[in-house]
Amino acid sequence: MIERFEDFIVWKKAMRLAVEIYKNLKDCKDFGFRDQIQRAGVSVPSNIAEGFERQYNKEKIQFYYIAKGSCGELRTQLYLAKELNYQKDDIVNDLISKSNEVSAMLYKLIVSRKEKFA
């Protein structure tokens, strides 16, 4: 049984994704965009951690849903970064793929928690 959010695979993947967002868009001159995409990237592991630390299952699920929503926000901004040529397509496509992976893991986690505690 996982006792700390730091041991949660989905949190680890979300953290790596957030770090990659920072590293790959650090030179973006559109400061408003850069700030927004970084905040969306950080929101994912932050909400996973907050959900993990909550006492009640309903609260946990709520924060996992927020993290999943932030994945969607992040992907939208990545598509925009691609359209605006803020980063190379292959890099953006890789980040989108990783965001999709985290989102899918969160979906499975939510379904599992709902079934386990129904």
PDB file of N, CA and C in Angstrom:
ATOM      1  N   MET A   1       0.836  -1.184   0.000  1.00  0.00           N
ATOM      2  CA  MET A   1       0.000   0.000   0.000  1.00  0.00           C
ATOM      3  C   MET A   1       0.888   1.257   0.000  1.00  0.00           C
ATOM      4  N   ILE A   2       0.513   2.210  -0.791  1.00  0.00           N
ATOM      5  CA  ILE A   2       1.271   3.458  -0.884  1.00  0.00           C
ATOM      6  C   ILE A   2       0.926   4.330   0.324  1.00  0.00           C
ATOM      7  N   GLU A   3       1.946   4.781   1.019  1.00  0.00           N
ATOM      8  CA  GLU A   3       1.735   5.571   2.232  1.00  0.00           C
ATOM      9  C   GLU A   3       2.068   7.044   2.055  1.00  0.00           C
ATOM     10  N   ARG A   4       2.795   7.381   0.982  1.00  0.00           N
ATOM     11  CA  ARG A   4       3.172   8.775   0.731  1.00  0.00           C
ATOM     12  C   ARG A   4       2.897   9.099  -0.735  1.00  0.00           C
ATOM     13  N   PHE A   5       2.458  10.323  -0.974  1.00  0.00           N
ATOM     14  CA  PHE A   5       2.181  10.683  -2.367  1.00  0.00           C
ATOM     15  C   PHE A   5       3.445  10.645  -3.217  1.00  0.00           C
ATOM     16  N   GLU A   6       4.597  10.814  -2.594  1.00  0.00           N
ATOM     17  CA  GLU A   6       5.866  10.774  -3.326  1.00  0.00           C
ATOM     18  C   GLU A   6       6.141   9.403  -3.945  1.00  0.00           C
ATOM     19  N   ASP A   7       5.461   8.376  -3.456  1.00  0.00           N
ATOM     20  CA  ASP A   7       5.627   7.022  -3.991  1.00  0.00           C
ATOM     21  C   ASP A   7       4.589   6.682  -5.063  1.00  0.00           C
ATOM     22  N   PHE A   8       3.670   7.587  -5.287  1.00  0.00           N
ATOM     23  CA  PHE A   8       2.583   7.407  -6.253  1.00  0.00           C
ATOM     24  C   PHE A   8       3.146   7.574  -7.668  1.00  0.00           C
ATOM     25  N   ILE A   9       3.033   6.567  -8.510  1.00  0.00           N
ATOM     26  CA  ILE A   9       3.605   6.633  -9.862  1.00  0.00           C
ATOM     27  C   ILE A   9       3.014   7.789 -10.657  1.00  0.00           C
ATOM     28  N   VAL A  10       1.713   7.999 -10.553  1.00  0.00           N
ATOM     29  CA  VAL A  10       1.085   9.085 -11.312  1.00  0.00           C
ATOM     30  C   VAL A  10       1.634  10.444 -10.868  1.00  0.00           C
ATOM     31  N   TRP A  11       1.916  10.605  -9.585  1.00  0.00           N
ATOM     32  CA  TRP A  11       2.497  11.864  -9.095  1.00  0.00           C
ATOM     33  C   TRP A  11       3.908  12.040  -9.664  1.00  0.00           C
ATOM     34  N   LYS A  12       4.696  10.962  -9.670  1.00  0.00           N
ATOM     35  CA  LYS A  12       6.065  11.032 -10.207  1.00  0.00           C
ATOM     36  C   LYS A  12       6.056  11.431 -11.683  1.00  0.00           C
ATOM     37  N   LYS A  13       5.160  10.834 -12.455  1.00  0.00           N
ATOM     38  CA  LYS A  13       5.070  11.167 -13.882  1.00  0.00           C
ATOM     39  C   LYS A  13       4.608  12.611 -14.075  1.00  0.00           C
ATOM     40  N   ALA A  14       3.666  13.053 -13.260  1.00  0.00           N
ATOM     41  CA  ALA A  14       3.180  14.434 -13.348  1.00  0.00           C
ATOM     42  C   ALA A  14       4.279  15.419 -12.960  1.00  0.00           C
ATOM     43  N   MET A  15       5.085  15.067 -11.977  1.00  0.00           N
ATOM     44  CA  MET A  15       6.207  15.926 -11.585  1.00  0.00           C
ATOM     45  C   MET A  15       7.223  16.042 -12.718  1.00  0.00           C
ATOM     46  N   ARG A  16       7.556  14.912 -13.336  1.00  0.00           N
ATOM     47  CA  ARG A  16       8.508  14.939 -14.459  1.00  0.00           C
ATOM     48  C   ARG A  16       7.966  15.790 -15.604  1.00  0.00           C
ATOM     49  N   LEU A  17       6.664  15.678 -15.847  1.00  0.00           N
ATOM     50  CA  LEU A  17       6.038  16.479 -16.896  1.00  0.00           C
ATOM     51  C   LEU A  17       6.138  17.965 -16.560  1.00  0.00           C
ATOM     52  N   ALA A  18       5.865  18.338 -15.316  1.00  0.00           N
ATOM     53  CA  ALA A  18       5.955  19.746 -14.906  1.00  0.00           C
ATOM     54  C   ALA A  18       7.377  20.278 -15.092  1.00  0.00           C
ATOM     55  N   VAL A  19       8.357  19.492 -14.727  1.00  0.00           N
ATOM     56  CA  VAL A  19       9.759  19.896 -14.899  1.00  0.00           C
ATOM     57  C   VAL A  19      10.073  20.079 -16.386  1.00  0.00           C
ATOM     58  N   GLU A  20       9.587  19.167 -17.214  1.00  0.00           N
ATOM     59  CA  GLU A  20       9.828  19.280 -18.656  1.00  0.00           C
ATOM     60  C   GLU A  20       9.156  20.519 -19.241  1.00  0.00           C
ATOM     61  N   ILE A  21       7.983  20.862 -18.741  1.00  0.00           N
ATOM     62  CA  ILE A  21       7.301  22.083 -19.198  1.00  0.00           C
ATOM     63  C   ILE A  21       8.195  23.288 -18.893  1.00  0.00           C
ATOM     64  N   TYR A  22       8.683  23.367 -17.663  1.00  0.00           N
ATOM     65  CA  TYR A  22       9.561  24.479 -17.282  1.00  0.00           C
ATOM     66  C   TYR A  22      10.805  24.531 -18.166  1.00  0.00           C
ATOM     67  N   LYS A  23      11.456  23.396 -18.334  1.00  0.00           N
ATOM     68  CA  LYS A  23      12.711  23.364 -19.097  1.00  0.00           C
ATOM     69  C   LYS A  23      12.508  23.700 -20.569  1.00  0.00           C
ATOM     70  N   ASN A  24      11.453  23.170 -21.158  1.00  0.00           N
ATOM     71  CA  ASN A  24      11.254  23.335 -22.599  1.00  0.00           C
ATOM     72  C   ASN A  24      10.628  24.658 -22.999  1.00  0.00           C
ATOM     73  N   LEU A  25      10.051  25.379 -22.057  1.00  0.00           N
ATOM     74  CA  LEU A  25       9.434  26.661 -22.405  1.00  0.00           C
ATOM     75  C   LEU A  25      10.064  27.834 -21.655  1.00  0.00           C
ATOM     76  N   LYS A  26      11.223  27.602 -21.058  1.00  0.00           N
ATOM     77  CA  LYS A  26      11.871  28.661 -20.270  1.00  0.00           C
ATOM     78  C   LYS A  26      12.284  29.865 -21.112  1.00  0.00           C
ATOM     79  N   ASP A  27      12.513  29.659 -22.399  1.00  0.00           N
ATOM     80  CA  ASP A  27      12.939  30.755 -23.274  1.00  0.00           C
ATOM     81  C   ASP A  27      11.782  31.421 -24.017  1.00  0.00           C
ATOM     82  N   CYS A  28      10.566  30.995 -23.734  1.00  0.00           N
ATOM     83  CA  CYS A  28       9.391  31.582 -24.385  1.00  0.00           C
ATOM     84  C   CYS A  28       9.277  33.052 -23.979  1.00  0.00           C
ATOM     85  N   LYS A  29       9.185  33.921 -24.979  1.00  0.00           N
ATOM     86  CA  LYS A  29       9.131  35.371 -24.721  1.00  0.00           C
ATOM     87  C   LYS A  29       7.726  35.860 -24.364  1.00  0.00           C
ATOM     88  N   ASP A  30       6.722  35.027 -24.614  1.00  0.00           N
ATOM     89  CA  ASP A  30       5.346  35.369 -24.248  1.00  0.00           C
ATOM     90  C   ASP A  30       5.185  35.022 -22.771  1.00  0.00           C
ATOM     91  N   PHE A  31       5.483  35.995 -21.920  1.00  0.00           N
ATOM     92  CA  PHE A  31       5.558  35.745 -20.482  1.00  0.00           C
ATOM     93  C   PHE A  31       4.222  35.330 -19.882  1.00  0.00           C
ATOM     94  N   GLY A  32       3.137  35.905 -20.365  1.00  0.00           N
ATOM     95  CA  GLY A  32       1.814  35.524 -19.877  1.00  0.00           C
ATOM     96  C   GLY A  32       1.511  34.069 -20.193  1.00  0.00           C
ATOM     97  N   PHE A  33       1.797  33.676 -21.425  1.00  0.00           N
ATOM     98  CA  PHE A  33       1.589  32.289 -21.838  1.00  0.00           C
ATOM     99  C   PHE A  33       2.488  31.353 -21.036  1.00  0.00           C
ATOM    100  N   ARG A  34       3.757  31.709 -20.930  1.00  0.00           N
ATOM    101  CA  ARG A  34       4.713  30.863 -20.207  1.00  0.00           C
ATOM    102  C   ARG A  34       4.270  30.663 -18.759  1.00  0.00           C
ATOM    103  N   ASP A  35       3.830  31.755 -18.123  1.00  0.00           N
ATOM    104  CA  ASP A  35       3.367  31.663 -16.740  1.00  0.00           C
ATOM    105  C   ASP A  35       2.152  30.742 -16.633  1.00  0.00           C
ATOM    106  N   GLN A  36       1.217  30.886 -17.550  1.00  0.00           N
ATOM    107  CA  GLN A  36      -0.012  30.088 -17.511  1.00  0.00           C
ATOM    108  C   GLN A  36       0.264  28.601 -17.721  1.00  0.00           C
ATOM    109  N   ILE A  37       1.097  28.271 -18.693  1.00  0.00           N
ATOM    110  CA  ILE A  37       1.374  26.856 -18.966  1.00  0.00           C
ATOM    111  C   ILE A  37       2.188  26.234 -17.827  1.00  0.00           C
ATOM    112  N   GLN A  38       3.066  27.021 -17.219  1.00  0.00           N
ATOM    113  CA  GLN A  38       3.821  26.510 -16.071  1.00  0.00           C
ATOM    114  C   GLN A  38       2.892  26.260 -14.886  1.00  0.00           C
ATOM    115  N   ARG A  39       1.956  27.177 -14.662  1.00  0.00           N
ATOM    116  CA  ARG A  39       1.009  26.988 -13.556  1.00  0.00           C
ATOM    117  C   ARG A  39       0.126  25.765 -13.787  1.00  0.00           C
ATOM    118  N   ALA A  40      -0.307  25.565 -15.029  1.00  0.00           N
ATOM    119  CA  ALA A  40      -1.115  24.379 -15.342  1.00  0.00           C
ATOM    120  C   ALA A  40      -0.300  23.108 -15.114  1.00  0.00           C
ATOM    121  N   GLY A  41       0.961  23.135 -15.536  1.00  0.00           N
ATOM    122  CA  GLY A  41       1.828  21.973 -15.347  1.00  0.00           C
ATOM    123  C   GLY A  41       2.050  21.634 -13.888  1.00  0.00           C
ATOM    124  N   VAL A  42       2.235  22.646 -13.064  1.00  0.00           N
ATOM    125  CA  VAL A  42       2.460  22.443 -11.631  1.00  0.00           C
ATOM    126  C   VAL A  42       1.171  22.025 -10.924  1.00  0.00           C
ATOM    127  N   SER A  43       0.048  22.458 -11.448  1.00  0.00           N
ATOM    128  CA  SER A  43      -1.246  22.139 -10.847  1.00  0.00           C
ATOM    129  C   SER A  43      -1.511  20.637 -10.816  1.00  0.00           C
ATOM    130  N   VAL A  44      -1.033  19.923 -11.816  1.00  0.00           N
ATOM    131  CA  VAL A  44      -1.322  18.487 -11.902  1.00  0.00           C
ATOM    132  C   VAL A  44      -0.720  17.729 -10.714  1.00  0.00           C
ATOM    133  N   PRO A  45       0.597  17.735 -10.499  1.00  0.00           N
ATOM    134  CA  PRO A  45       1.129  16.995  -9.353  1.00  0.00           C
ATOM    135  C   PRO A  45       0.702  17.594  -8.014  1.00  0.00           C
ATOM    136  N   SER A  46       0.484  18.899  -7.982  1.00  0.00           N
ATOM    137  CA  SER A  46       0.056  19.537  -6.730  1.00  0.00           C
ATOM    138  C   SER A  46      -1.306  19.021  -6.286  1.00  0.00           C
ATOM    139  N   ASN A  47      -2.236  18.905  -7.230  1.00  0.00           N
ATOM    140  CA  ASN A  47      -3.572  18.416  -6.885  1.00  0.00           C
ATOM    141  C   ASN A  47      -3.585  16.921  -6.604  1.00  0.00           C
ATOM    142  N   ILE A  48      -2.707  16.174  -7.247  1.00  0.00           N
ATOM    143  CA  ILE A  48      -2.573  14.751  -6.913  1.00  0.00           C
ATOM    144  C   ILE A  48      -2.104  14.620  -5.464  1.00  0.00           C
ATOM    145  N   ALA A  49      -1.095  15.407  -5.098  1.00  0.00           N
ATOM    146  CA  ALA A  49      -0.570  15.370  -3.727  1.00  0.00           C
ATOM    147  C   ALA A  49      -1.637  15.794  -2.725  1.00  0.00           C
ATOM    148  N   GLU A  50      -2.350  16.881  -3.037  1.00  0.00           N
ATOM    149  CA  GLU A  50      -3.376  17.354  -2.107  1.00  0.00           C
ATOM    150  C   GLU A  50      -4.486  16.320  -1.954  1.00  0.00           C
ATOM    151  N   GLY A  51      -4.891  15.711  -3.061  1.00  0.00           N
ATOM    152  CA  GLY A  51      -5.913  14.672  -2.980  1.00  0.00           C
ATOM    153  C   GLY A  51      -5.459  13.488  -2.149  1.00  0.00           C
ATOM    154  N   PHE A  52      -4.227  13.080  -2.348  1.00  0.00           N
ATOM    155  CA  PHE A  52      -3.686  11.951  -1.599  1.00  0.00           C
ATOM    156  C   PHE A  52      -3.721  12.223  -0.100  1.00  0.00           C
ATOM    157  N   GLU A  53      -3.444  13.454   0.285  1.00  0.00           N
ATOM    158  CA  GLU A  53      -3.367  13.815   1.699  1.00  0.00           C
ATOM    159  C   GLU A  53      -4.736  14.028   2.350  1.00  0.00           C
ATOM    160  N   ARG A  54      -5.787  14.109   1.551  1.00  0.00           N
ATOM    161  CA  ARG A  54      -7.125  14.309   2.109  1.00  0.00           C
ATOM    162  C   ARG A  54      -7.596  13.049   2.822  1.00  0.00           C
ATOM    163  N   GLN A  55      -8.451  13.250   3.818  1.00  0.00           N
ATOM    164  CA  GLN A  55      -8.907  12.135   4.640  1.00  0.00           C
ATOM    165  C   GLN A  55     -10.015  11.329   3.972  1.00  0.00           C
ATOM    166  N   TYR A  56     -10.960  12.012   3.364  1.00  0.00           N
ATOM    167  CA  TYR A  56     -12.152  11.342   2.862  1.00  0.00           C
ATOM    168  C   TYR A  56     -12.054  11.068   1.367  1.00  0.00           C
ATOM    169  N   ASN A  57     -12.579   9.916   0.964  1.00  0.00           N
ATOM    170  CA  ASN A  57     -12.498   9.486  -0.425  1.00  0.00           C
ATOM    171  C   ASN A  57     -13.111  10.505  -1.381  1.00  0.00           C
ATOM    172  N   LYS A  58     -14.241  11.088  -1.004  1.00  0.00           N
ATOM    173  CA  LYS A  58     -14.903  12.071  -1.869  1.00  0.00           C
ATOM    174  C   LYS A  58     -13.968  13.251  -2.150  1.00  0.00           C
ATOM    175  N   GLU A  59     -13.251  13.700  -1.133  1.00  0.00           N
ATOM    176  CA  GLU A  59     -12.297  14.799  -1.313  1.00  0.00           C
ATOM    177  C   GLU A  59     -11.129  14.362  -2.203  1.00  0.00           C
ATOM    178  N   LYS A  60     -10.630  13.154  -1.969  1.00  0.00           N
ATOM    179  CA  LYS A  60      -9.524  12.639  -2.781  1.00  0.00           C
ATOM    180  C   LYS A  60      -9.908  12.658  -4.255  1.00  0.00           C
ATOM    181  N   ILE A  61     -11.079  12.096  -4.550  1.00  0.00           N
ATOM    182  CA  ILE A  61     -11.552  12.021  -5.932  1.00  0.00           C
ATOM    183  C   ILE A  61     -11.697  13.411  -6.524  1.00  0.00           C
ATOM    184  N   GLN A  62     -12.211  14.353  -5.745  1.00  0.00           N
ATOM    185  CA  GLN A  62     -12.384  15.728  -6.231  1.00  0.00           C
ATOM    186  C   GLN A  62     -11.042  16.312  -6.689  1.00  0.00           C
ATOM    187  N   PHE A  63      -9.999  16.128  -5.905  1.00  0.00           N
ATOM    188  CA  PHE A  63      -8.690  16.672  -6.276  1.00  0.00           C
ATOM    189  C   PHE A  63      -8.073  15.922  -7.457  1.00  0.00           C
ATOM    190  N   TYR A  64      -8.349  14.626  -7.560  1.00  0.00           N
ATOM    191  CA  TYR A  64      -7.860  13.888  -8.726  1.00  0.00           C
ATOM    192  C   TYR A  64      -8.563  14.370  -9.991  1.00  0.00           C
ATOM    193  N   TYR A  65      -9.848  14.706  -9.875  1.00  0.00           N
ATOM    194  CA  TYR A  65     -10.565  15.296 -11.018  1.00  0.00           C
ATOM    195  C   TYR A  65      -9.971  16.658 -11.396  1.00  0.00           C
ATOM    196  N   ILE A  66      -9.624  17.455 -10.401  1.00  0.00           N
ATOM    197  CA  ILE A  66      -9.011  18.762 -10.677  1.00  0.00           C
ATOM    198  C   ILE A  66      -7.681  18.562 -11.408  1.00  0.00           C
ATOM    199  N   ALA A  67      -6.890  17.599 -10.947  1.00  0.00           N
ATOM    200  CA  ALA A  67      -5.610  17.298 -11.609  1.00  0.00           C
ATOM    201  C   ALA A  67      -5.851  16.863 -13.052  1.00  0.00           C
ATOM    202  N   LYS A  68      -6.871  16.036 -13.260  1.00  0.00           N
ATOM    203  CA  LYS A  68      -7.197  15.579 -14.617  1.00  0.00           C
ATOM    204  C   LYS A  68      -7.622  16.760 -15.487  1.00  0.00           C
ATOM    205  N   GLY A  69      -8.405  17.672 -14.923  1.00  0.00           N
ATOM    206  CA  GLY A  69      -8.795  18.876 -15.653  1.00  0.00           C
ATOM    207  C   GLY A  69      -7.595  19.731 -16.011  1.00  0.00           C
ATOM    208  N   SER A  70      -6.642  19.817 -15.102  1.00  0.00           N
ATOM    209  CA  SER A  70      -5.415  20.574 -15.381  1.00  0.00           C
ATOM    210  C   SER A  70      -4.615  19.934 -16.511  1.00  0.00           C
ATOM    211  N   CYS A  71      -4.691  18.610 -16.636  1.00  0.00           N
ATOM    212  CA  CYS A  71      -4.037  17.936 -17.777  1.00  0.00           C
ATOM    213  C   CYS A  71      -4.654  18.409 -19.086  1.00  0.00           C
ATOM    214  N   GLY A  72      -5.975  18.546 -19.103  1.00  0.00           N
ATOM    215  CA  GLY A  72      -6.644  19.047 -20.302  1.00  0.00           C
ATOM    216  C   GLY A  72      -6.262  20.477 -20.606  1.00  0.00           C
ATOM    217  N   GLU A  73      -6.195  21.300 -19.567  1.00  0.00           N
ATOM    218  CA  GLU A  73      -5.764  22.692 -19.735  1.00  0.00           C
ATOM    219  C   GLU A  73      -4.340  22.733 -20.288  1.00  0.00           C
ATOM    220  N   LEU A  74      -3.481  21.918 -19.728  1.00  0.00           N
ATOM    221  CA  LEU A  74      -2.085  21.866 -20.160  1.00  0.00           C
ATOM    222  C   LEU A  74      -1.979  21.450 -21.629  1.00  0.00           C
ATOM    223  N   ARG A  75      -2.722  20.417 -22.017  1.00  0.00           N
ATOM    224  CA  ARG A  75      -2.670  19.975 -23.416  1.00  0.00           C
ATOM    225  C   ARG A  75      -3.159  21.061 -24.359  1.00  0.00           C
ATOM    226  N   THR A  76      -4.209  21.773 -23.966  1.00  0.00           N
ATOM    227  CA  THR A  76      -4.709  22.870 -24.796  1.00  0.00           C
ATOM    228  C   THR A  76      -3.615  23.909 -25.011  1.00  0.00           C
ATOM    229  N   GLN A  77      -2.902  24.252 -23.955  1.00  0.00           N
ATOM    230  CA  GLN A  77      -1.830  25.237 -24.060  1.00  0.00           C
ATOM    231  C   GLN A  77      -0.660  24.694 -24.876  1.00  0.00           C
ATOM    232  N   LEU A  78      -0.419  23.400 -24.788  1.00  0.00           N
ATOM    233  CA  LEU A  78       0.635  22.795 -25.609  1.00  0.00           C
ATOM    234  C   LEU A  78       0.270  22.844 -27.091  1.00  0.00           C
ATOM    235  N   TYR A  79      -0.994  22.584 -27.412  1.00  0.00           N
ATOM    236  CA  TYR A  79      -1.430  22.710 -28.813  1.00  0.00           C
ATOM    237  C   TYR A  79      -1.249  24.147 -29.296  1.00  0.00           C
ATOM    238  N   LEU A  80      -1.545  25.094 -28.428  1.00  0.00           N
ATOM    239  CA  LEU A  80      -1.364  26.503 -28.771  1.00  0.00           C
ATOM    240  C   LEU A  80       0.122  26.813 -28.976  1.00  0.00           C
ATOM    241  N   ALA A  81       0.969  26.299 -28.093  1.00  0.00           N
ATOM    242  CA  ALA A  81       2.421  26.502 -28.229  1.00  0.00           C
ATOM    243  C   ALA A  81       2.910  25.959 -29.570  1.00  0.00           C
ATOM    244  N   LYS A  82       2.345  24.846 -29.972  1.00  0.00           N
ATOM    245  CA  LYS A  82       2.708  24.239 -31.255  1.00  0.00           C
ATOM    246  C   LYS A  82       2.275  25.138 -32.414  1.00  0.00           C
ATOM    247  N   GLU A  83       1.040  25.616 -32.359  1.00  0.00           N
ATOM    248  CA  GLU A  83       0.513  26.483 -33.421  1.00  0.00           C
ATOM    249  C   GLU A  83       1.293  27.796 -33.529  1.00  0.00           C
ATOM    250  N   LEU A  84       1.753  28.299 -32.388  1.00  0.00           N
ATOM    251  CA  LEU A  84       2.483  29.571 -32.359  1.00  0.00           C
ATOM    252  C   LEU A  84       3.993  29.386 -32.528  1.00  0.00           C
ATOM    253  N   ASN A  85       4.406  28.144 -32.736  1.00  0.00           N
ATOM    254  CA  ASN A  85       5.831  27.825 -32.919  1.00  0.00           C
ATOM    255  C   ASN A  85       6.693  28.272 -31.738  1.00  0.00           C
ATOM    256  N   TYR A  86       6.165  28.089 -30.523  1.00  0.00           N
ATOM    257  CA  TYR A  86       6.930  28.421 -29.323  1.00  0.00           C
ATOM    258  C   TYR A  86       7.959  27.339 -28.996  1.00  0.00           C
ATOM    259  N   GLN A  87       7.770  26.143 -29.568  1.00  0.00           N
ATOM    260  CA  GLN A  87       8.702  25.040 -29.345  1.00  0.00           C
ATOM    261  C   GLN A  87       8.573  24.088 -30.537  1.00  0.00           C
ATOM    262  N   LYS A  88       9.569  23.259 -30.735  1.00  0.00           N
ATOM    263  CA  LYS A  88       9.564  22.304 -31.852  1.00  0.00           C
ATOM    264  C   LYS A  88       8.409  21.314 -31.700  1.00  0.00           C
ATOM    265  N   ASP A  89       7.846  20.935 -32.840  1.00  0.00           N
ATOM    266  CA  ASP A  89       6.698  20.024 -32.845  1.00  0.00           C
ATOM    267  C   ASP A  89       6.973  18.712 -32.121  1.00  0.00           C
ATOM    268  N   ASP A  90       8.148  18.120 -32.330  1.00  0.00           N
ATOM    269  CA  ASP A  90       8.422  16.826 -31.703  1.00  0.00           C
ATOM    270  C   ASP A  90       8.478  16.933 -30.184  1.00  0.00           C
ATOM    271  N   ILE A  91       8.978  18.040 -29.684  1.00  0.00           N
ATOM    272  CA  ILE A  91       9.025  18.254 -28.233  1.00  0.00           C
ATOM    273  C   ILE A  91       7.615  18.430 -27.693  1.00  0.00           C
ATOM    274  N   VAL A  92       6.821  19.264 -28.357  1.00  0.00           N
ATOM    275  CA  VAL A  92       5.440  19.503 -27.912  1.00  0.00           C
ATOM    276  C   VAL A  92       4.629  18.210 -27.996  1.00  0.00           C
ATOM    277  N   ASN A  93       4.791  17.458 -29.070  1.00  0.00           N
ATOM    278  CA  ASN A  93       4.062  16.192 -29.213  1.00  0.00           C
ATOM    279  C   ASN A  93       4.405  15.219 -28.091  1.00  0.00           C
ATOM    280  N   ASP A  94       5.669  15.187 -27.688  1.00  0.00           N
ATOM    281  CA  ASP A  94       6.091  14.332 -26.580  1.00  0.00           C
ATOM    282  C   ASP A  94       5.432  14.772 -25.272  1.00  0.00           C
ATOM    283  N   LEU A  95       5.370  16.082 -25.039  1.00  0.00           N
ATOM    284  CA  LEU A  95       4.730  16.598 -23.825  1.00  0.00           C
ATOM    285  C   LEU A  95       3.232  16.301 -23.835  1.00  0.00           C
ATOM    286  N   ILE A  96       2.599  16.424 -24.984  1.00  0.00           N
ATOM    287  CA  ILE A  96       1.172  16.100 -25.106  1.00  0.00           C
ATOM    288  C   ILE A  96       0.946  14.622 -24.795  1.00  0.00           C
ATOM    289  N   SER A  97       1.794  13.775 -25.326  1.00  0.00           N
ATOM    290  CA  SER A  97       1.694  12.337 -25.074  1.00  0.00           C
ATOM    291  C   SER A  97       1.830  12.024 -23.583  1.00  0.00           C
ATOM    292  N   LYS A  98       2.776  12.665 -22.935  1.00  0.00           N
ATOM    293  CA  LYS A  98       2.978  12.448 -21.496  1.00  0.00           C
ATOM    294  C   LYS A  98       1.789  12.963 -20.692  1.00  0.00           C
ATOM    295  N   SER A  99       1.217  14.077 -21.109  1.00  0.00           N
ATOM    296  CA  SER A  99       0.028  14.602 -20.443  1.00  0.00           C
ATOM    297  C   SER A  99      -1.148  13.640 -20.606  1.00  0.00           C
ATOM    298  N   ASN A 100      -1.299  13.074 -21.794  1.00  0.00           N
ATOM    299  CA  ASN A 100      -2.352  12.075 -22.024  1.00  0.00           C
ATOM    300  C   ASN A 100      -2.163  10.852 -21.134  1.00  0.00           C
ATOM    301  N   GLU A 101      -0.913  10.438 -20.963  1.00  0.00           N
ATOM    302  CA  GLU A 101      -0.619   9.284 -20.110  1.00  0.00           C
ATOM    303  C   GLU A 101      -1.015   9.567 -18.661  1.00  0.00           C
ATOM    304  N   VAL A 102      -0.657  10.738 -18.157  1.00  0.00           N
ATOM    305  CA  VAL A 102      -1.015  11.111 -16.784  1.00  0.00           C
ATOM    306  C   VAL A 102      -2.533  11.191 -16.649  1.00  0.00           C
ATOM    307  N   SER A 103      -3.193  11.779 -17.631  1.00  0.00           N
ATOM    308  CA  SER A 103      -4.646  11.902 -17.605  1.00  0.00           C
ATOM    309  C   SER A 103      -5.314  10.525 -17.564  1.00  0.00           C
ATOM    310  N   ALA A 104      -4.820   9.589 -18.358  1.00  0.00           N
ATOM    311  CA  ALA A 104      -5.368   8.228 -18.369  1.00  0.00           C
ATOM    312  C   ALA A 104      -5.151   7.538 -17.023  1.00  0.00           C
ATOM    313  N   MET A 105      -3.986   7.751 -16.430  1.00  0.00           N
ATOM    314  CA  MET A 105      -3.711   7.170 -15.111  1.00  0.00           C
ATOM    315  C   MET A 105      -4.649   7.751 -14.061  1.00  0.00           C
ATOM    316  N   LEU A 106      -4.902   9.048 -14.150  1.00  0.00           N
ATOM    317  CA  LEU A 106      -5.821   9.683 -13.206  1.00  0.00           C
ATOM    318  C   LEU A 106      -7.237   9.143 -13.381  1.00  0.00           C
ATOM    319  N   TYR A 107      -7.650   8.944 -14.621  1.00  0.00           N
ATOM    320  CA  TYR A 107      -8.975   8.386 -14.879  1.00  0.00           C
ATOM    321  C   TYR A 107      -9.110   7.014 -14.216  1.00  0.00           C
ATOM    322  N   LYS A 108      -8.114   6.160 -14.401  1.00  0.00           N
ATOM    323  CA  LYS A 108      -8.141   4.828 -13.793  1.00  0.00           C
ATOM    324  C   LYS A 108      -8.145   4.915 -12.271  1.00  0.00           C
ATOM    325  N   LEU A 109      -7.391   5.854 -11.733  1.00  0.00           N
ATOM    326  CA  LEU A 109      -7.355   6.050 -10.288  1.00  0.00           C
ATOM    327  C   LEU A 109      -8.726   6.470  -9.765  1.00  0.00           C
ATOM    328  N   ILE A 110      -9.362   7.401 -10.445  1.00  0.00           N
ATOM    329  CA  ILE A 110     -10.685   7.880 -10.038  1.00  0.00           C
ATOM    330  C   ILE A 110     -11.697   6.738 -10.074  1.00  0.00           C
ATOM    331  N   VAL A 111     -11.714   5.992 -11.168  1.00  0.00           N
ATOM    332  CA  VAL A 111     -12.648   4.865 -11.300  1.00  0.00           C
ATOM    333  C   VAL A 111     -12.396   3.842 -10.196  1.00  0.00           C
ATOM    334  N   SER A 112     -11.142   3.544  -9.944  1.00  0.00           N
ATOM    335  CA  SER A 112     -10.778   2.584  -8.907  1.00  0.00           C
ATOM    336  C   SER A 112     -11.254   3.036  -7.530  1.00  0.00           C
ATOM    337  N   ARG A 113     -11.041   4.315  -7.217  1.00  0.00           N
ATOM    338  CA  ARG A 113     -11.457   4.833  -5.903  1.00  0.00           C
ATOM    339  C   ARG A 113     -12.972   4.836  -5.784  1.00  0.00           C
ATOM    340  N   LYS A 114     -13.658   5.144  -6.862  1.00  0.00           N
ATOM    341  CA  LYS A 114     -15.127   5.134  -6.834  1.00  0.00           C
ATOM    342  C   LYS A 114     -15.660   3.723  -6.599  1.00  0.00           C
ATOM    343  N   GLU A 115     -15.067   2.746  -7.278  1.00  0.00           N
ATOM    344  CA  GLU A 115     -15.515   1.358  -7.136  1.00  0.00           C
ATOM    345  C   GLU A 115     -15.171   0.798  -5.758  1.00  0.00           C
ATOM    346  N   LYS A 116     -13.995   1.120  -5.287  1.00  0.00           N
ATOM    347  CA  LYS A 116     -13.524   0.579  -4.011  1.00  0.00           C
ATOM    348  C   LYS A 116     -14.321   1.119  -2.833  1.00  0.00           C
ATOM    349  N   PHE A 117     -14.750   2.364  -2.929  1.00  0.00           N
ATOM    350  CA  PHE A 117     -15.416   3.003  -1.796  1.00  0.00           C
ATOM    351  C   PHE A 117     -16.873   3.346  -2.090  1.00  0.00           C
ATOM    352  N   ALA A 118     -17.480   2.634  -3.027  1.00  0.00           N
ATOM    353  CA  ALA A 118     -18.882   2.912  -3.384  1.00  0.00           C
ATOM    354  C   ALA A 118     -19.831   2.481  -2.287  1.00  0.00           C
TER     355      ALA A 118
END
